Amino acid sequence: MQRGEARFLELGFFLLNCFAFSHIIVPMKRISWLLERLPALVLLFVVGAISYSVVADSVTTQVTVANTAPSITAGPIEDPTSDATTPTNVGNQVTFKATASDSNNDSYHLAICKTNAITPNGTSAPTCDGGSWCVSSATASTVEASCSYTALSGDAESEAWYAFVCDSVSGSTCSSSSQGTGASGSPFNVNHAPSFTVMSSTSADPGGTITFTATASDADIDTTSDTVLLVVCSAAGATSSGCTNPADQLCISTAVASNPTCDYVLPAVHQSGDTSYYSYVYDSHNMGATNNPFPAKTYSVNNVVSSVSTVVLNGAADISLTAGTTTNVIVTGSVTDANSCQNISTMQASLYRSGVGYSACDTVGELNYNYCYSLVSCTVVGGTCTGSTDASTDYTCTVSMQYHADPTDISTVYVAENWLGTILATDSGALTSTAEAVTAVEVSSLTAQSVDALVSYGNIGLGENTGATNSSISVTAVGNVGLDTDLSGVDMCPDYPTCAGDTIPVANQKYSTAAFTYSLGGTALSTIATEVELNVLKTTSDATPASKLLYWGIAIPAGIAPGTYTGANNITAVKGETVNW
């Protein structure tokens, strides 16, 4: 619209407004005045419009500036270089880098395509028509962009790539492709894992040679055939340089075209039997076989017999037992094995009375707690077997002897005998060796009893006695000898042990080894200890210890005050005569 036309319309609107104003507000007498002058106003409006249209006009200008594709200013490259000499191992990444400049100062994407074709995608990342190796995130102009691709087992040894840079704007465009130059340019190379299918080993004596052989090869032939090498370790963990822990390394081969072998010279002391080992195959680019380590296998070292020495029973001292329970008796010894101290699978001790002998106490079924403790397990003395190169170790064997084990000291059934110990060593090859203690020891007599705590006579009237009704207590042998007993006692009284008033004299109590009638039998108790031939047998089984009953009766004096009278009878174990055991 021209400026004059606009002014004309403005004037028209003004007149209309004026008309409306006059129509609403101005008194009716003025309307005729306005109508009289309307032609002149219209003429004025037309003249104004015509005169206004001659003013100069402004014209809008417009142009579309075309988007320019970014251009690569540095690169593209692989970093690090991935070529036939230094290929990228499967599972590792090849990283592509390039720097681009955009004349519109737009950000850009670096796209590494599989073919020389790409489609821009506006503000989003471009699409490689034939598939991409990787595409970077949006990167500012003149700033280096990068993206990475992880090599897969299905990739070829050599893979071509094409680098594009595409700006990230509406109407985006891409540069022409570049494949870089030299070793860091296209293609990138992929190294595949070597094949490793069979692992074997020979056997040898200590000091001999074990040979390890792997069936292995490498199919990559990009430049020359890859070589393979073998690493063998005694524990899991290795690289192409050797075992993770150098102390675990048995051997490492030289690099060969296929089927590498290596030798391990056994030390003079080496554990017998099968020993686990772990094997690894690597190619010339330090890439391991996919089945590294090969499933654990074993090499075999021939077994040799061991020898036992320095057997000592209870420190060569006599054995003292404990009433009613067990006593730990220690047997010690040493064993030497050329297959190493670790080759000993079991050490067992037998403890026996000399009249029985080891030949009658060398199986589990011969166990008898009176005279034979057979095949008790032993334990290694800490720090005495330091590893597979140590031939000797010390053992401690703890035998729990029962309290009723046969004594061999004076005044016993087996006074002419003593006790001995033998240690049996069994190695991993089931070879055995034994040695007996040089010094025999005695098992001392243990005179011990267990007695009921209370003799209770019940309720008896003044001047009366228990008659044929006896109280009894059990005397049990809890040592290793037969028992008699010494008896004594004191007066009974209500305020024992003060006894300031009435008492029942000690002699009013009677005892016997059999049931009795008070007025006809029994022996009066005295304050002086008197031996009683109780003849408790020697206990031979903890489950059913030997025991005897002592029978008791009492007479109550006339004239004492009624009440509960208490006293104390002393019962002391005495070693019985052996004929009564």
Protein backbone atom coordinates (compact mmCIF):
# COMPACT_ATOMS: atom_id res chain seq x y z
CA MET A 1 0.00 0.00 0.00
CA GLN A 2 1.29 3.48 -0.90
CA ARG A 3 1.82 5.99 1.81
CA GLY A 4 -0.82 8.42 0.28
CA GLU A 5 -3.40 5.72 0.23
CA ALA A 6 -2.73 5.05 3.86
CA ARG A 7 -3.19 8.68 4.78
CA PHE A 8 -6.43 8.77 2.83
CA LEU A 9 -7.80 5.89 4.81
CA GLU A 10 -6.69 7.51 8.03
CA LEU A 11 -8.65 10.63 7.16
CA GLY A 12 -11.71 8.62 6.29
CA PHE A 13 -11.62 6.91 9.63
CA PHE A 14 -11.26 10.30 11.28
CA LEU A 15 -14.42 11.63 9.59
CA LEU A 16 -16.36 8.56 10.50
CA ASN A 17 -15.32 8.91 14.09
CA CYS A 18 -16.31 12.50 14.08
CA PHE A 19 -19.68 11.55 12.67
CA ALA A 20 -20.19 9.00 15.31
CA PHE A 21 -19.19 11.45 17.98
CA SER A 22 -21.58 14.01 16.75
CA HIS A 23 -24.27 11.44 16.45
CA ILE A 24 -23.90 10.40 20.02
CA ILE A 25 -22.69 13.40 21.93
CA VAL A 26 -23.14 16.63 19.94
CA PRO A 27 -26.57 18.14 20.19
CA MET A 28 -28.85 17.55 17.24
CA LYS A 29 -28.71 21.19 16.18
CA ARG A 30 -25.07 20.75 15.29
CA ILE A 31 -25.62 17.84 12.94
CA SER A 32 -27.01 20.16 10.33
CA TRP A 33 -23.91 22.30 10.65
CA LEU A 34 -21.67 19.26 9.97
CA LEU A 35 -23.77 18.18 7.00
CA GLU A 36 -23.56 21.63 5.49
CA ARG A 37 -19.84 21.56 5.56
CA LEU A 38 -19.33 17.85 4.51
CA PRO A 39 -18.46 18.57 0.82
CA ALA A 40 -15.70 20.91 1.87
CA LEU A 41 -14.29 18.32 4.28
CA VAL A 42 -14.27 15.64 1.63
CA LEU A 43 -12.49 17.93 -0.72
CA LEU A 44 -9.94 18.70 1.95
CA PHE A 45 -9.41 14.99 2.53
CA VAL A 46 -8.88 14.29 -1.16
CA VAL A 47 -6.46 17.14 -1.54
CA GLY A 48 -4.53 15.98 1.49
CA ALA A 49 -4.34 12.46 0.18
CA ILE A 50 -3.13 13.55 -3.18
CA SER A 51 -0.55 15.89 -1.79
CA TYR A 52 0.68 13.17 0.67
CA SER A 53 1.25 10.49 -1.98
CA VAL A 54 4.22 12.23 -3.49
CA VAL A 55 6.47 11.41 -0.43
CA ALA A 56 9.44 8.87 -1.20
CA ASP A 57 8.72 5.06 -0.55
CA SER A 58 10.94 2.31 1.14
CA VAL A 59 11.34 -1.12 -0.61
CA THR A 60 12.23 -4.35 1.34
CA THR A 61 15.29 -6.32 0.10
CA GLN A 62 15.83 -10.12 0.55
CA VAL A 63 18.53 -12.69 -0.28
CA THR A 64 19.16 -16.34 0.81
CA VAL A 65 22.76 -17.06 1.85
CA ALA A 66 23.62 -20.70 0.95
CA ASN A 67 25.02 -23.07 3.66
CA THR A 68 28.59 -24.12 3.02
CA ALA A 69 29.82 -27.59 3.96
CA PRO A 70 32.57 -27.79 6.60
CA SER A 71 36.00 -28.85 5.45
CA ILE A 72 38.59 -31.11 7.09
CA THR A 73 41.63 -29.15 8.20
CA ALA A 74 43.52 -31.88 10.07
CA GLY A 75 43.30 -35.67 9.69
CA PRO A 76 41.46 -37.90 9.48
CA ILE A 77 43.64 -40.39 11.35
CA GLU A 78 43.47 -43.53 13.44
CA ASP A 79 44.84 -42.89 16.91
CA PRO A 80 46.58 -45.14 17.69
CA THR A 81 47.43 -46.35 14.20
CA SER A 82 45.70 -49.58 13.20
CA ASP A 83 47.59 -51.23 10.37
CA ALA A 84 49.04 -54.61 9.44
CA THR A 85 51.95 -54.10 11.83
CA THR A 86 49.87 -52.83 14.75
CA PRO A 87 46.33 -54.10 14.15
CA THR A 88 43.48 -53.60 16.60
CA ASN A 89 42.73 -56.70 18.64
CA VAL A 90 39.16 -57.94 18.64
CA GLY A 91 37.45 -56.36 21.63
CA ASN A 92 39.66 -53.25 21.53
CA GLN A 93 38.75 -49.89 20.06
CA VAL A 94 40.09 -48.04 17.03
CA THR A 95 39.64 -44.29 17.48
CA PHE A 96 39.24 -41.89 14.54
CA LYS A 97 40.09 -38.19 14.81
CA ALA A 98 39.78 -35.15 12.55
CA THR A 99 39.48 -31.38 12.84
CA ALA A 100 37.07 -29.45 10.62
CA SER A 101 36.37 -25.77 9.98
CA ASP A 102 32.94 -24.44 8.97
CA SER A 103 32.78 -21.05 7.19
CA ASN A 104 29.34 -20.49 8.76
CA ASN A 105 30.86 -21.31 12.15
CA ASP A 106 28.41 -24.19 12.52
CA SER A 107 29.17 -27.23 14.67
CA TYR A 108 29.83 -30.46 12.79
CA HIS A 109 29.80 -34.26 13.06
CA LEU A 110 32.70 -36.51 12.07
CA ALA A 111 31.33 -39.64 10.36
CA ILE A 112 33.49 -42.67 9.56
CA CYS A 113 31.60 -44.62 6.91
CA LYS A 114 32.05 -48.09 5.47
CA THR A 115 31.40 -46.81 1.91
CA ASN A 116 32.00 -43.54 0.12
CA ALA A 117 28.43 -42.32 0.56
CA ILE A 118 26.69 -40.21 3.21
CA THR A 119 23.41 -38.40 3.71
CA PRO A 120 23.23 -35.24 5.88
CA ASN A 121 20.44 -35.12 8.42
CA GLY A 122 19.83 -31.49 9.38
CA THR A 123 20.60 -30.76 12.99
CA SER A 124 20.94 -34.51 13.72
CA ALA A 125 23.93 -36.69 13.00
CA PRO A 126 24.39 -37.73 9.34
CA THR A 127 23.71 -41.25 8.07
CA CYS A 128 26.35 -43.33 6.32
CA ASP A 129 24.53 -44.89 3.34
CA GLY A 130 26.51 -48.14 3.50
CA GLY A 131 26.77 -48.31 7.26
CA SER A 132 29.05 -46.52 9.68
CA TRP A 133 32.04 -47.50 11.80
CA CYS A 134 31.25 -44.58 14.13
CA VAL A 135 29.85 -41.03 14.20
CA SER A 136 31.00 -38.34 16.61
CA SER A 137 28.84 -36.03 18.66
CA ALA A 138 28.35 -32.44 17.47
CA THR A 139 31.68 -30.61 17.70
CA ALA A 140 32.41 -26.88 17.48
CA SER A 141 34.10 -25.59 14.35
CA THR A 142 37.93 -25.81 14.51
CA VAL A 143 37.74 -28.22 17.49
CA GLU A 144 38.95 -31.79 17.01
CA ALA A 145 36.21 -34.43 16.82
CA SER A 146 36.62 -38.13 17.54
CA CYS A 147 34.65 -41.37 17.62
CA SER A 148 35.55 -44.98 18.30
CA TYR A 149 34.69 -48.45 17.00
CA THR A 150 35.16 -51.71 18.90
CA ALA A 151 36.66 -54.43 16.69
CA LEU A 152 34.52 -57.57 16.43
CA SER A 153 35.48 -61.17 15.70
CA GLY A 154 33.38 -61.02 12.53
CA ASP A 155 35.39 -58.11 11.08
CA ALA A 156 37.77 -58.75 8.21
CA GLU A 157 41.49 -58.36 8.78
CA SER A 158 41.40 -55.16 6.71
CA GLU A 159 38.44 -52.76 6.77
CA ALA A 160 38.23 -49.63 4.55
CA TRP A 161 36.82 -46.40 5.92
CA TYR A 162 35.75 -43.00 4.56
CA ALA A 163 35.70 -39.87 6.71
CA PHE A 164 33.13 -37.10 6.20
CA VAL A 165 32.38 -33.94 8.15
CA CYS A 166 28.78 -32.66 8.06
CA ASP A 167 27.51 -29.48 9.67
CA SER A 168 24.70 -29.63 12.19
CA VAL A 169 22.14 -27.09 10.91
CA SER A 170 18.94 -27.06 8.94
CA GLY A 171 19.94 -27.74 5.36
CA SER A 172 23.16 -29.38 6.51
CA THR A 173 25.77 -30.43 3.99
CA CYS A 174 28.73 -32.79 4.09
CA SER A 175 32.26 -32.56 2.87
CA SER A 176 33.72 -34.93 0.33
CA SER A 177 35.25 -38.05 1.84
CA SER A 178 38.83 -38.52 2.98
CA GLN A 179 40.63 -41.77 3.80
CA GLY A 180 43.59 -40.15 5.47
CA THR A 181 47.15 -40.95 4.50
CA GLY A 182 49.86 -43.40 5.41
CA ALA A 183 49.66 -46.00 8.16
CA SER A 184 47.11 -43.99 10.13
CA GLY A 185 44.76 -43.76 7.13
CA SER A 186 42.25 -46.23 5.72
CA PRO A 187 41.99 -49.16 6.10
CA PHE A 188 42.12 -50.16 9.75
CA ASN A 189 43.30 -53.70 10.52
CA VAL A 190 41.74 -56.22 12.89
CA ASN A 191 43.72 -58.90 14.69
CA HIS A 192 41.80 -62.09 15.54
CA ALA A 193 42.51 -64.49 18.39
CA PRO A 194 44.68 -67.53 17.69
CA SER A 195 43.25 -71.05 17.73
CA PHE A 196 44.07 -73.22 20.78
CA THR A 197 42.48 -76.70 20.83
CA VAL A 198 44.64 -79.25 22.67
CA MET A 199 47.06 -79.15 25.63
CA SER A 200 49.23 -82.05 26.83
CA SER A 201 52.21 -82.78 29.06
CA THR A 202 54.62 -85.62 29.86
CA SER A 203 55.48 -87.05 33.30
CA ALA A 204 58.83 -87.31 35.10
CA ASP A 205 60.61 -88.04 38.38
CA PRO A 206 61.68 -85.20 40.65
CA GLY A 207 64.64 -83.54 38.93
CA GLY A 208 63.40 -84.66 35.50
CA THR A 209 61.85 -82.62 32.68
CA ILE A 210 58.18 -82.07 31.92
CA THR A 211 57.39 -81.08 28.32
CA PHE A 212 54.23 -79.10 27.61
CA THR A 213 52.76 -79.02 24.08
CA ALA A 214 49.87 -76.92 22.73
CA THR A 215 47.97 -77.53 19.50
CA ALA A 216 47.66 -73.90 18.39
CA SER A 217 47.95 -71.67 15.31
CA ASP A 218 46.86 -68.29 13.93
CA ALA A 219 44.86 -67.84 10.70
CA ASP A 220 45.55 -64.09 10.22
CA ILE A 221 47.72 -63.61 7.08
CA ASP A 222 47.37 -59.89 6.40
CA THR A 223 51.09 -59.44 5.89
CA THR A 224 52.77 -62.61 7.10
CA SER A 225 51.37 -65.47 9.16
CA ASP A 226 51.12 -64.60 12.85
CA THR A 227 53.25 -66.67 15.21
CA VAL A 228 52.05 -68.22 18.47
CA LEU A 229 53.73 -68.82 21.81
CA LEU A 230 52.82 -70.86 24.89
CA VAL A 231 52.89 -69.76 28.55
CA VAL A 232 52.41 -72.35 31.34
CA CYS A 233 51.72 -71.31 34.96
CA SER A 234 51.09 -73.12 38.22
CA ALA A 235 48.32 -70.62 39.04
CA ALA A 236 45.86 -68.74 36.86
CA GLY A 237 46.98 -65.40 35.44
CA ALA A 238 49.26 -64.56 32.49
CA THR A 239 50.06 -62.18 29.64
CA SER A 240 52.12 -62.72 26.50
CA SER A 241 55.16 -61.75 28.58
CA GLY A 242 54.69 -64.59 31.07
CA CYS A 243 52.77 -65.51 34.21
CA THR A 244 51.27 -62.65 36.24
CA ASN A 245 53.19 -63.88 39.27
CA PRO A 246 56.71 -64.78 38.09
CA ALA A 247 56.93 -67.37 40.86
CA ASP A 248 54.08 -69.27 39.18
CA GLN A 249 55.80 -69.57 35.81
CA LEU A 250 56.68 -73.13 34.78
CA CYS A 251 57.87 -72.29 31.25
CA ILE A 252 57.37 -70.06 28.20
CA SER A 253 58.02 -71.13 24.60
CA THR A 254 59.57 -69.30 21.69
CA ALA A 255 57.24 -67.88 19.02
CA VAL A 256 56.58 -70.45 16.29
CA ALA A 257 54.20 -70.83 13.37
CA SER A 258 52.13 -73.47 15.20
CA ASN A 259 52.06 -76.01 18.06
CA PRO A 260 54.46 -74.33 20.53
CA THR A 261 56.20 -76.38 23.25
CA CYS A 262 58.21 -75.56 26.36
CA ASP A 263 60.06 -77.53 29.07
CA TYR A 264 59.90 -77.39 32.84
CA VAL A 265 62.80 -78.94 34.76
CA LEU A 266 61.51 -80.34 38.02
CA PRO A 267 63.45 -79.45 41.17
CA ALA A 268 65.08 -82.20 43.20
CA VAL A 269 62.17 -81.89 45.64
CA HIS A 270 58.78 -81.80 43.98
CA GLN A 271 55.32 -82.87 45.02
CA SER A 272 54.26 -86.25 43.68
CA GLY A 273 51.14 -87.06 41.71
CA ASP A 274 49.13 -84.70 39.56
CA THR A 275 49.79 -80.99 39.81
CA SER A 276 47.46 -78.44 38.22
CA TYR A 277 48.75 -76.04 35.62
CA TYR A 278 47.21 -73.30 33.47
CA SER A 279 48.23 -72.74 29.85
CA TYR A 280 47.88 -69.69 27.61
CA VAL A 281 48.51 -69.12 23.88
CA TYR A 282 49.21 -65.66 22.43
CA ASP A 283 49.80 -64.42 18.88
CA SER A 284 52.54 -62.06 17.76
CA HIS A 285 50.29 -59.07 18.53
CA ASN A 286 49.93 -60.17 22.19
CA MET A 287 46.34 -61.28 21.72
CA GLY A 288 45.33 -64.36 23.67
CA ALA A 289 43.25 -67.29 22.51
CA THR A 290 39.58 -66.97 23.41
CA ASN A 291 39.83 -70.04 25.68
CA ASN A 292 42.76 -68.70 27.73
CA PRO A 293 43.48 -70.14 30.15
CA PHE A 294 42.96 -73.58 28.69
CA PRO A 295 40.80 -75.67 31.07
CA ALA A 296 43.01 -76.61 34.01
CA LYS A 297 45.06 -79.75 33.44
CA THR A 298 47.67 -81.62 35.45
CA TYR A 299 51.19 -82.83 34.92
CA SER A 300 52.38 -85.93 36.76
CA VAL A 301 55.44 -86.35 38.97
CA ASN A 302 56.33 -89.88 39.97
CA ASN A 303 55.97 -90.80 43.63
CA VAL A 304 58.74 -91.90 46.03
CA VAL A 305 58.42 -93.27 49.54
CA SER A 306 58.81 -90.95 52.53
CA SER A 307 60.50 -91.59 55.88
CA VAL A 308 59.35 -90.89 59.46
CA SER A 309 61.80 -90.03 62.22
CA THR A 310 62.19 -88.51 65.70
CA VAL A 311 59.01 -89.90 67.22
CA VAL A 312 58.57 -88.78 70.85
CA LEU A 313 55.72 -89.82 73.17
CA ASN A 314 54.56 -87.31 75.82
CA GLY A 315 57.91 -85.56 75.74
CA ALA A 316 59.44 -88.87 76.97
CA ALA A 317 57.74 -88.32 80.38
CA ASP A 318 55.37 -90.65 82.19
CA ILE A 319 51.67 -90.09 81.52
CA SER A 320 49.39 -88.86 84.31
CA LEU A 321 45.68 -89.21 83.62
CA THR A 322 42.73 -87.11 84.84
CA ALA A 323 39.91 -88.54 86.95
CA GLY A 324 36.65 -89.08 85.13
CA THR A 325 37.70 -87.46 81.85
CA THR A 326 40.25 -87.56 79.05
CA THR A 327 43.82 -86.31 79.01
CA ASN A 328 45.58 -85.04 75.91
CA VAL A 329 48.78 -86.95 75.29
CA ILE A 330 51.09 -85.57 72.61
CA VAL A 331 53.05 -87.63 70.10
CA THR A 332 55.45 -85.72 67.84
CA GLY A 333 57.46 -86.74 64.82
CA SER A 334 59.05 -85.61 61.56
CA VAL A 335 58.62 -86.84 57.98
CA THR A 336 60.85 -86.33 54.93
CA ASP A 337 59.66 -86.84 51.35
CA ALA A 338 61.54 -86.12 48.13
CA ASN A 339 58.19 -85.31 46.57
CA SER A 340 57.96 -82.46 49.12
CA CYS A 341 56.39 -82.20 52.52
CA GLN A 342 53.16 -81.31 50.77
CA ASN A 343 53.08 -84.79 49.28
CA ILE A 344 52.12 -86.30 52.66
CA SER A 345 48.39 -86.87 52.62
CA THR A 346 47.97 -88.15 56.20
CA MET A 347 49.99 -88.54 59.36
CA GLN A 348 48.48 -90.76 62.05
CA ALA A 349 49.65 -91.82 65.47
CA SER A 350 48.88 -94.99 67.43
CA LEU A 351 49.41 -95.14 71.21
CA TYR A 352 49.46 -98.57 72.81
CA ARG A 353 50.59 -100.70 75.70
CA SER A 354 53.83 -102.45 74.80
CA GLY A 355 52.37 -105.89 75.44
CA VAL A 356 49.80 -105.16 72.74
CA GLY A 357 52.24 -103.78 70.16
CA TYR A 358 51.71 -101.70 67.04
CA SER A 359 50.67 -104.64 64.89
CA ALA A 360 47.54 -105.01 67.05
CA CYS A 361 46.87 -101.27 67.11
CA ASP A 362 47.28 -100.16 63.51
CA THR A 363 43.65 -100.17 62.34
CA VAL A 364 40.61 -98.21 63.42
CA GLY A 365 38.78 -101.38 64.38
CA GLU A 366 41.42 -102.24 67.00
CA LEU A 367 40.66 -99.17 69.10
CA ASN A 368 40.34 -99.99 72.81
CA TYR A 369 40.50 -97.19 75.35
CA ASN A 370 42.26 -99.43 77.88
CA TYR A 371 45.32 -100.31 75.82
CA CYS A 372 45.12 -99.11 72.16
CA TYR A 373 44.47 -95.69 70.65
CA SER A 374 44.81 -96.31 66.94
CA LEU A 375 45.32 -94.00 63.95
CA VAL A 376 44.77 -90.63 65.58
CA SER A 377 45.10 -87.80 63.04
CA CYS A 378 48.10 -85.49 63.28
CA THR A 379 48.55 -81.87 62.29
CA VAL A 380 51.46 -80.00 60.74
CA VAL A 381 53.49 -77.86 63.10
CA GLY A 382 53.10 -74.32 61.81
CA GLY A 383 55.97 -73.03 59.72
CA THR A 384 57.65 -76.40 59.29
CA CYS A 385 56.34 -77.09 55.77
CA THR A 386 57.09 -73.93 53.84
CA GLY A 387 56.14 -75.05 50.34
CA SER A 388 56.51 -77.51 47.52
CA THR A 389 60.32 -77.27 47.62
CA ASP A 390 60.51 -78.21 51.32
CA ALA A 391 61.13 -81.93 51.88
CA SER A 392 60.59 -82.17 55.64
CA THR A 393 57.93 -81.19 58.12
CA ASP A 394 57.05 -81.78 61.77
CA TYR A 395 53.79 -83.16 63.08
CA THR A 396 51.91 -83.05 66.35
CA CYS A 397 49.45 -85.82 67.19
CA THR A 398 47.05 -85.29 70.08
CA VAL A 399 45.67 -88.49 71.63
CA SER A 400 42.75 -88.17 74.05
CA MET A 401 43.46 -90.90 76.61
CA GLN A 402 40.63 -92.07 78.81
CA TYR A 403 41.05 -91.98 82.59
CA HIS A 404 40.84 -95.78 82.74
CA ALA A 405 43.77 -96.51 80.34
CA ASP A 406 45.86 -99.38 81.74
CA PRO A 407 48.55 -98.25 84.22
CA THR A 408 52.03 -99.75 83.94
CA ASP A 409 53.73 -98.43 87.06
CA ILE A 410 54.32 -100.36 90.28
CA SER A 411 51.55 -102.34 91.93
CA THR A 412 49.60 -102.74 88.69
CA VAL A 413 48.65 -105.68 86.52
CA TYR A 414 51.03 -104.60 83.72
CA VAL A 415 53.99 -103.53 85.77
CA ALA A 416 56.34 -105.29 83.34
CA GLU A 417 55.07 -103.26 80.39
CA ASN A 418 55.04 -99.64 79.29
CA TRP A 419 53.46 -97.48 76.61
CA LEU A 420 54.80 -96.70 73.11
CA GLY A 421 53.73 -94.59 70.15
CA THR A 422 54.11 -95.08 66.38
CA ILE A 423 53.55 -92.51 63.62
CA LEU A 424 52.31 -93.66 60.21
CA ALA A 425 52.90 -91.44 57.16
CA THR A 426 50.86 -91.97 53.99
CA ASP A 427 51.74 -89.99 50.87
CA SER A 428 49.57 -89.00 47.94
CA GLY A 429 50.55 -92.17 46.12
CA ALA A 430 49.40 -94.35 49.05
CA LEU A 431 52.98 -95.28 49.94
CA THR A 432 53.45 -95.60 53.71
CA SER A 433 56.25 -95.49 56.24
CA THR A 434 56.30 -95.76 60.06
CA ALA A 435 58.55 -95.10 63.02
CA GLU A 436 58.13 -95.95 66.71
CA ALA A 437 59.08 -93.80 69.67
CA VAL A 438 62.59 -94.60 70.85
CA THR A 439 61.70 -93.96 74.50
CA ALA A 440 58.81 -95.83 76.14
CA VAL A 441 56.88 -94.22 79.01
CA GLU A 442 54.71 -95.39 81.88
CA VAL A 443 51.04 -94.65 82.43
CA SER A 444 50.80 -93.82 86.11
CA SER A 445 48.16 -95.27 88.41
CA LEU A 446 45.19 -92.97 88.97
CA THR A 447 43.32 -93.75 92.20
CA ALA A 448 40.09 -91.81 91.93
CA GLN A 449 36.47 -92.25 92.86
CA SER A 450 33.10 -90.58 92.46
CA VAL A 451 30.80 -90.84 95.53
CA ASP A 452 27.16 -89.88 96.12
CA ALA A 453 26.94 -86.64 98.04
CA LEU A 454 24.47 -87.63 100.76
CA VAL A 455 23.78 -90.43 103.22
CA SER A 456 20.16 -89.86 104.22
CA TYR A 457 18.71 -91.94 107.07
CA GLY A 458 15.25 -90.44 106.93
CA ASN A 459 13.00 -89.89 109.98
CA ILE A 460 13.91 -92.05 112.99
CA GLY A 461 12.46 -91.79 116.54
CA LEU A 462 14.43 -91.26 119.76
CA GLY A 463 16.02 -94.45 121.01
CA GLU A 464 15.36 -96.21 117.71
CA ASN A 465 17.65 -97.42 114.87
CA THR A 466 17.33 -98.18 111.17
CA GLY A 467 17.01 -101.89 111.72
CA ALA A 468 17.10 -103.79 108.40
CA THR A 469 16.51 -100.63 106.40
CA ASN A 470 19.80 -99.33 105.02
CA SER A 471 20.81 -96.14 103.30
CA SER A 472 23.38 -96.62 100.54
CA ILE A 473 25.83 -94.63 98.48
CA SER A 474 27.63 -95.61 95.29
CA VAL A 475 31.42 -95.53 95.05
CA THR A 476 32.50 -95.40 91.37
CA ALA A 477 36.03 -95.93 90.02
CA VAL A 478 36.92 -92.91 87.88
CA GLY A 479 40.61 -93.74 87.67
CA ASN A 480 42.53 -96.62 86.10
CA VAL A 481 42.79 -98.94 89.12
CA GLY A 482 40.46 -101.05 91.27
CA LEU A 483 39.34 -99.38 94.53
CA ASP A 484 39.03 -99.96 98.22
CA THR A 485 38.13 -97.12 100.54
CA ASP A 486 39.08 -95.49 103.84
CA LEU A 487 36.15 -94.46 106.03
CA SER A 488 35.94 -92.04 108.96
CA GLY A 489 33.42 -89.58 110.32
CA VAL A 490 32.37 -87.10 113.03
CA ASP A 491 29.48 -86.63 115.45
CA MET A 492 26.20 -85.33 113.98
CA CYS A 493 24.41 -82.29 115.45
CA PRO A 494 21.72 -79.75 114.59
CA ASP A 495 24.24 -76.89 114.36
CA TYR A 496 27.04 -78.73 112.50
CA PRO A 497 29.92 -78.12 112.49
CA THR A 498 29.69 -76.15 115.77
CA CYS A 499 27.89 -78.94 117.67
CA ALA A 500 27.37 -76.88 120.85
CA GLY A 501 24.36 -78.91 122.02
CA ASP A 502 23.00 -82.41 121.51
CA THR A 503 24.88 -84.79 119.24
CA ILE A 504 24.59 -88.24 117.72
CA PRO A 505 27.98 -89.89 118.35
CA VAL A 506 29.92 -90.95 115.25
CA ALA A 507 29.95 -94.57 116.42
CA ASN A 508 26.12 -94.66 116.25
CA GLN A 509 26.59 -94.89 112.47
CA LYS A 510 27.41 -98.29 111.01
CA TYR A 511 28.54 -99.29 107.50
CA SER A 512 28.90 -102.49 105.50
CA THR A 513 29.70 -103.67 101.96
CA ALA A 514 26.40 -105.57 102.01
CA ALA A 515 22.92 -104.93 103.38
CA PHE A 516 22.65 -105.52 107.11
CA THR A 517 20.37 -105.28 110.18
CA TYR A 518 21.60 -102.60 112.54
CA SER A 519 21.47 -104.72 115.69
CA LEU A 520 23.09 -107.74 114.03
CA GLY A 521 25.79 -106.41 111.71
CA GLY A 522 27.72 -103.53 110.27
CA THR A 523 30.87 -101.82 111.50
CA ALA A 524 30.75 -98.77 113.71
CA LEU A 525 32.12 -95.64 112.07
CA SER A 526 35.16 -94.05 113.74
CA THR A 527 36.90 -90.74 113.63
CA ILE A 528 40.01 -92.69 112.55
CA ALA A 529 40.19 -93.69 108.90
CA THR A 530 39.66 -97.41 108.45
CA GLU A 531 40.23 -99.21 105.13
CA VAL A 532 37.26 -101.10 103.79
CA GLU A 533 37.83 -103.85 101.24
CA LEU A 534 35.19 -102.54 98.91
CA ASN A 535 36.87 -104.16 95.87
CA VAL A 536 35.49 -101.86 93.19
CA LEU A 537 36.69 -103.25 89.87
CA LYS A 538 38.89 -101.22 87.52
CA THR A 539 36.72 -99.29 85.10
CA THR A 540 37.15 -100.49 81.53
CA SER A 541 34.46 -98.42 79.81
CA ASP A 542 33.51 -94.82 80.36
CA ALA A 543 29.97 -95.71 79.37
CA THR A 544 29.63 -98.19 82.26
CA PRO A 545 32.17 -97.31 84.96
CA ALA A 546 32.74 -99.86 87.72
CA SER A 547 31.07 -99.14 91.09
CA LYS A 548 30.06 -100.67 94.45
CA LEU A 549 27.51 -99.74 97.14
CA LEU A 550 28.30 -98.90 100.75
CA TYR A 551 25.38 -99.62 103.11
CA TRP A 552 24.66 -97.47 106.20
CA GLY A 553 22.58 -97.59 109.39
CA ILE A 554 22.19 -95.39 112.48
CA ALA A 555 20.85 -95.48 116.05
CA ILE A 556 19.28 -92.37 117.62
CA PRO A 557 20.14 -91.79 121.30
CA ALA A 558 17.29 -91.27 123.78
CA GLY A 559 16.92 -87.88 125.38
CA ILE A 560 18.23 -85.64 122.60
CA ALA A 561 16.23 -82.83 121.17
CA PRO A 562 14.31 -83.59 117.99
CA GLY A 563 15.45 -81.93 114.76
CA THR A 564 17.68 -82.45 111.73
CA TYR A 565 21.17 -83.64 112.60
CA THR A 566 24.02 -83.22 110.17
CA GLY A 567 27.57 -84.49 110.03
CA ALA A 568 30.30 -85.49 107.57
CA ASN A 569 31.61 -88.94 106.67
CA ASN A 570 34.98 -89.07 104.95
CA ILE A 571 35.31 -91.62 102.12
CA THR A 572 38.80 -91.80 100.64
CA ALA A 573 39.71 -93.90 97.58
CA VAL A 574 42.44 -96.50 98.11
CA LYS A 575 44.20 -98.38 95.30
CA GLY A 576 42.87 -101.90 95.50
CA GLU A 577 44.81 -105.13 95.21
CA THR A 578 45.34 -106.09 91.57
CA VAL A 579 43.70 -109.49 92.07
CA ASN A 580 40.46 -107.64 92.72
CA TRP A 581 40.57 -105.43 89.63
